[in-house]
Amino acid sequence: MNGFLGFAVKIISGFNTMAIVWLLSFFAFDQSFWLSSGLAIGGGVAGYWMASMLWNWRLLKKHQLTRGEYKYIQKNLREAKPKIHRLQKTLFSIRDIPTLKQRFELTKITRKIYSMTKREPRRFFQGERFFFTHLDSAVELTEKYAFLSSQPKKNWEIQESLSETRRTLKELTEYIEEDLYHMLSDDMEELNFELDVARHSMKMLKETKLETKAGDYHER
C-alpha cells in the first residue's frame, strides 16, 4: 500500500509540474508549442525526481533507517517473498489431517512476520533469525515432507522419516513463534510500562479519594 501511494504521489507531482511548466512556457513566455512541450517534459521529470527524493526522505525518517539499511531490508524482503510463497503452497498441498493445525499455524506466523516487517522495516533487525535461518529450514523440510507423504507406498524407512520430519517441523514452528515474540518484545515492554503507569495513577487516585473522605469525616 505504501509503495503504491508513494508511486501515485510521484506521478501526480510530475504531471502537475509538467502542466505548470507547459502553461507558463506557452502562455506567459510565449514559447513555441514544441519548445514548451520539451520544457514541460523536463519539468515533469524534475518534479517526479524531487517528489521521489522527498518521499524517500520522509520514509527513512519515519522508520529511523539510513538509506543503506532500507535498501538492505528491502532486498531481503524481496528474497523472502518467493520463499514464503513456496512454503505456503507446499503446506496447502500436504494431505495430512493430523498436521493440519500445525501447518495452519506455521502459515499464519510466517505471513504475520513478513507483513509486519513490510509495514515496519526496522523490525527486520529483530527478526533476522527468521529471514536468514528458520525460513529456509521451513521451506526445505516442508518440501521434503510433501514429497515423501505423496508416495503411493511407504515402507518403514519412509514412515520413520515422515515422523522425524513432523517432530522437527513442530520444533521449528515453536522457534518461528519465538521469532515473532522477539519482534514484538519492544511493544510488550512499552505496553507493560504503560500498564504500570496506569496502575500507579489509579492507585494514587484511590489514595487521594480516601484521604478526601477521611478529611470530610473529621470535619463533621
Protein backbone atom coordinates (compact mmCIF):
# COMPACT_ATOMS: atom_id res chain seq x y z
CA MET A 1 0.00 0.00 0.00
CA ASN A 2 2.77 2.46 0.92
CA GLY A 3 4.60 1.59 -2.30
CA PHE A 4 1.52 2.29 -4.43
CA LEU A 5 0.78 5.53 -2.55
CA GLY A 6 4.36 6.70 -2.99
CA PHE A 7 4.26 5.95 -6.72
CA ALA A 8 0.94 7.79 -7.07
CA VAL A 9 2.30 10.86 -5.26
CA LYS A 10 5.38 10.93 -7.51
CA ILE A 11 3.31 10.58 -10.70
CA ILE A 12 0.87 13.31 -9.66
CA SER A 13 3.74 15.64 -8.70
CA GLY A 14 5.47 15.02 -12.01
CA PHE A 15 2.28 15.55 -14.02
CA ASN A 16 1.38 18.75 -12.15
CA THR A 17 4.88 20.17 -12.64
CA MET A 18 4.76 19.27 -16.34
CA ALA A 19 1.39 21.02 -16.77
CA ILE A 20 2.53 24.17 -14.95
CA VAL A 21 5.79 24.41 -16.93
CA TRP A 22 3.95 23.98 -20.24
CA LEU A 23 1.35 26.62 -19.41
CA LEU A 24 3.96 29.11 -18.25
CA SER A 25 6.23 28.49 -21.24
CA PHE A 26 3.48 28.66 -23.84
CA PHE A 27 1.32 31.49 -22.48
CA ALA A 28 3.47 33.52 -20.09
CA PHE A 29 6.77 33.39 -22.00
CA ASP A 30 5.27 32.99 -25.50
CA GLN A 31 7.37 29.94 -26.42
CA SER A 32 6.52 27.62 -29.30
CA PHE A 33 4.35 24.55 -28.75
CA TRP A 34 7.22 22.11 -29.21
CA LEU A 35 9.69 24.03 -27.06
CA SER A 36 7.04 24.37 -24.34
CA SER A 37 6.36 20.62 -24.59
CA GLY A 38 10.07 19.82 -24.29
CA LEU A 39 10.46 22.09 -21.28
CA ALA A 40 7.31 20.58 -19.75
CA ILE A 41 8.68 17.04 -20.10
CA GLY A 42 11.92 18.12 -18.42
CA GLY A 43 9.94 19.81 -15.66
CA GLY A 44 7.81 16.71 -15.20
CA VAL A 45 10.91 14.53 -14.80
CA ALA A 46 12.37 17.03 -12.32
CA GLY A 47 9.07 17.14 -10.38
CA TYR A 48 8.92 13.34 -10.23
CA TRP A 49 12.56 13.17 -9.05
CA MET A 50 12.06 15.83 -6.36
CA ALA A 51 8.88 14.12 -5.11
CA SER A 52 10.74 10.82 -5.04
CA MET A 53 13.59 12.29 -3.01
CA LEU A 54 11.16 13.91 -0.55
CA TRP A 55 9.07 10.74 -0.21
CA ASN A 56 12.17 8.59 0.44
CA TRP A 57 13.50 11.08 2.99
CA ARG A 58 10.19 11.05 4.88
CA LEU A 59 10.09 7.25 4.72
CA LEU A 60 13.61 6.88 6.14
CA LYS A 61 12.90 9.45 8.84
CA LYS A 62 9.64 7.72 9.82
CA HIS A 63 11.32 4.32 10.21
CA GLN A 64 14.60 5.74 11.62
CA LEU A 65 16.73 4.00 9.00
CA THR A 66 19.64 5.00 6.81
CA ARG A 67 19.34 4.67 3.04
CA GLY A 68 21.71 1.68 3.11
CA GLU A 69 19.75 -0.07 5.84
CA TYR A 70 16.46 0.44 4.00
CA LYS A 71 17.86 -0.98 0.74
CA TYR A 72 19.33 -3.93 2.63
CA ILE A 73 15.99 -4.71 4.29
CA GLN A 74 14.03 -4.37 1.04
CA LYS A 75 16.48 -6.71 -0.72
CA ASN A 76 15.97 -9.38 1.95
CA LEU A 77 12.18 -8.93 1.86
CA ARG A 78 12.22 -9.45 -1.92
CA GLU A 79 14.20 -12.65 -1.43
CA ALA A 80 11.90 -13.85 1.36
CA LYS A 81 8.65 -13.32 -0.56
CA PRO A 82 9.03 -16.23 -3.05
CA LYS A 83 10.25 -18.48 -0.21
CA ILE A 84 7.11 -17.77 1.81
CA HIS A 85 5.01 -18.40 -1.30
CA ARG A 86 6.75 -21.76 -1.78
CA LEU A 87 6.22 -22.61 1.88
CA GLN A 88 2.51 -21.81 1.79
CA LYS A 89 1.98 -23.64 -1.49
CA THR A 90 3.72 -26.75 -0.12
CA LEU A 91 1.87 -26.66 3.20
CA PHE A 92 -1.50 -26.48 1.44
CA SER A 93 -0.53 -29.35 -0.88
CA ILE A 94 0.03 -31.78 2.02
CA ARG A 95 -2.98 -34.01 2.61
CA ASP A 96 -2.32 -34.92 6.21
CA ILE A 97 -5.16 -34.25 8.66
CA PRO A 98 -3.16 -34.70 11.93
CA THR A 99 -0.75 -31.88 10.98
CA LEU A 100 -3.42 -29.53 9.61
CA LYS A 101 -3.49 -27.26 12.66
CA GLN A 102 0.29 -27.10 12.86
CA ARG A 103 0.55 -26.23 9.16
CA PHE A 104 -2.09 -23.55 9.52
CA GLU A 105 -0.19 -22.00 12.46
CA LEU A 106 3.09 -22.04 10.55
CA THR A 107 1.46 -20.34 7.56
CA LYS A 108 -0.18 -17.70 9.75
CA ILE A 109 3.01 -16.88 11.68
CA THR A 110 5.25 -16.60 8.61
CA ARG A 111 2.75 -14.31 6.89
CA LYS A 112 2.48 -12.20 10.05
CA ILE A 113 6.25 -11.78 10.34
CA TYR A 114 6.58 -10.81 6.67
CA SER A 115 3.66 -8.36 6.62
CA MET A 116 4.78 -6.76 9.89
CA THR A 117 8.33 -6.26 8.55
CA LYS A 118 6.98 -4.93 5.26
CA ARG A 119 4.91 -2.37 7.16
CA GLU A 120 7.63 -1.51 9.70
CA PRO A 121 11.04 -2.28 8.09
CA ARG A 122 13.02 -1.59 11.27
CA ARG A 123 11.58 -4.76 12.83
CA PHE A 124 13.71 -6.74 10.36
CA PHE A 125 16.70 -6.49 12.69
CA GLN A 126 14.69 -8.24 15.42
CA GLY A 127 13.63 -10.99 13.00
CA GLU A 128 16.93 -11.79 11.32
CA ARG A 129 16.92 -15.39 12.59
CA PHE A 130 13.64 -15.97 10.78
CA PHE A 131 14.77 -14.45 7.48
CA PHE A 132 18.28 -15.95 7.43
CA THR A 133 17.78 -19.37 9.06
CA HIS A 134 14.32 -20.53 10.05
CA LEU A 135 12.51 -19.63 6.83
CA ASP A 136 14.95 -21.60 4.67
CA SER A 137 14.74 -24.59 7.02
CA ALA A 138 10.93 -24.49 6.97
CA VAL A 139 10.84 -24.45 3.16
CA GLU A 140 13.27 -27.37 2.85
CA LEU A 141 11.55 -29.51 5.49
CA THR A 142 8.01 -28.95 4.21
CA GLU A 143 9.02 -29.72 0.62
CA LYS A 144 10.77 -32.89 1.77
CA TYR A 145 7.73 -33.88 3.83
CA ALA A 146 5.32 -33.17 0.95
CA PHE A 147 7.38 -35.29 -1.43
CA LEU A 148 7.62 -38.28 0.91
CA SER A 149 3.99 -38.10 2.02
CA SER A 150 2.82 -38.11 -1.61
CA GLN A 151 4.39 -41.52 -2.32
CA PRO A 152 1.72 -44.18 -3.02
CA LYS A 153 3.53 -46.84 -0.99
CA LYS A 154 5.51 -46.07 2.13
CA ASN A 155 7.91 -48.52 3.70
CA TRP A 156 9.14 -48.41 7.27
CA GLU A 157 12.05 -46.09 6.40
CA ILE A 158 9.77 -43.51 4.75
CA GLN A 159 7.32 -43.64 7.66
CA GLU A 160 10.17 -43.08 10.10
CA SER A 161 11.48 -40.17 8.05
CA LEU A 162 8.00 -38.61 7.93
CA SER A 163 7.63 -39.00 11.68
CA GLU A 164 11.02 -37.36 12.30
CA THR A 165 10.20 -34.51 9.91
CA ARG A 166 6.88 -33.87 11.72
CA ARG A 167 8.70 -33.60 15.04
CA THR A 168 11.32 -31.28 13.57
CA LEU A 169 8.67 -29.09 11.93
CA LYS A 170 6.85 -28.83 15.25
CA GLU A 171 10.05 -27.64 16.95
CA LEU A 172 10.79 -25.27 14.08
CA THR A 173 7.29 -23.78 14.33
CA GLU A 174 7.97 -23.08 18.01
CA TYR A 175 11.24 -21.34 17.08
CA ILE A 176 9.43 -19.21 14.50
CA GLU A 177 6.85 -18.31 17.15
CA GLU A 178 9.75 -17.15 19.32
CA ASP A 179 10.98 -15.05 16.37
CA LEU A 180 7.58 -13.34 16.27
CA TYR A 181 7.55 -12.76 20.04
CA HIS A 182 11.07 -11.34 19.84
CA MET A 183 9.94 -8.91 17.14
CA LEU A 184 7.10 -7.85 19.44
CA SER A 185 9.28 -7.59 22.55
CA ASP A 186 9.62 -3.78 22.39
CA ASP A 187 5.86 -3.42 22.03
CA MET A 188 5.27 -5.68 25.02
CA GLU A 189 7.78 -3.74 27.14
CA GLU A 190 6.12 -0.47 26.15
CA LEU A 191 2.69 -1.91 26.96
CA ASN A 192 3.89 -3.16 30.35
CA PHE A 193 5.34 0.28 31.09
CA GLU A 194 2.04 1.94 30.16
CA LEU A 195 0.18 -0.55 32.36
CA ASP A 196 2.48 0.21 35.30
CA VAL A 197 1.92 3.95 34.81
CA ALA A 198 -1.85 3.43 34.61
CA ARG A 199 -1.88 1.25 37.73
CA HIS A 200 0.22 3.80 39.62
CA SER A 201 -2.11 6.62 38.55
CA MET A 202 -5.19 4.67 39.64
CA LYS A 203 -3.55 3.83 42.96
CA MET A 204 -2.72 7.49 43.60
CA LEU A 205 -6.28 8.48 42.64
CA LYS A 206 -7.76 5.96 45.07
CA GLU A 207 -5.47 7.14 47.87
CA THR A 208 -6.45 10.75 47.17
CA LYS A 209 -10.13 9.86 47.33
CA LEU A 210 -9.63 8.01 50.61
CA GLU A 211 -7.75 10.97 52.11
CA THR A 212 -10.51 13.33 50.94
CA LYS A 213 -13.19 11.13 52.50
CA ALA A 214 -11.20 10.88 55.74
CA GLY A 215 -10.82 14.67 55.85
CA ASP A 216 -14.55 15.18 55.31
CA TYR A 217 -15.30 12.68 58.11
CA HIS A 218 -13.07 14.52 60.61
CA GLU A 219 -14.62 17.88 59.71
CA ARG A 220 -18.04 16.50 60.59
